[in-house]
Amino acid sequence: MGNQDELSTGAKQKFVEAAARAKNPLDTLPYEKYTAPSGEEFKLICRTKSDADAKTIKWAFKLAEKNVGPYYKQLKMGWQPKIKAAEHNKNWARYLVAQNDKKENVAYCMFRFDMENYDCILYCYEMHVAASSQRKGLGRFMMQALEDCARHWNLEKVMITVLNNNENSISFYKKLGYSKDETSPDVTEEAEYQIFSKATLG
């Protein structure tokens, strides 16, 4: 394939649409199982919002509330549960969910395929790991799965939003090779968040 920068917006939009049509966009990728350094095994499942049961979506919202709710409450924007719950129920939402050997949900990514500033991208809206399963490499593995997914569908980058006061999250993504995206708010805008991205094509 030629230089991605030389492709028209219409051509890039077709990549997004192709990925969005796939029932499981990670189907051909080796993401189904992750084994932590400790030997603990996790099963990963990819679902569309329509295929995910209401219990899973509610669990995902509650985990987000627990993990980042306190950070939001420190900011002017505050924690807005109705808006966050509505986002988790968007028709475009894709869920990559990790379960432990007890078949308990312990982590998830919520993402979508989209166009952003003339780029075709995979946007990860949420990535949360339950406290009991943190520091086992699971979050890193799941983000790598999304990067592989973007690459498979010829999408140019993975994008995420991080809160300015969540230093652990900022550090985590920087270690994975993410940096501030050109679409991130300028310092003069006094935004309480930043947009990070990582290129997925050479």
Foldseek 3Di string as FASTA:
>chain_A
DDDPVPDALVVLVVLQVVCLPDQFLLVPPPQQKDAFPVRWIKGKDKGFLVGDDPVVLVVVLVQCCVPCQVVQCVDPNHDDSVVSSVVSNDRQWMKIFIATPVRDTFWIWIWGWDADPSFTEIETEDTGGHPVPPPRCPSVSVVVSRLVSCVVSVGFKYKYKAFPPPVVVVVVVVVSPKDFDPPFDDVVVVDRMTMIMDTSDD
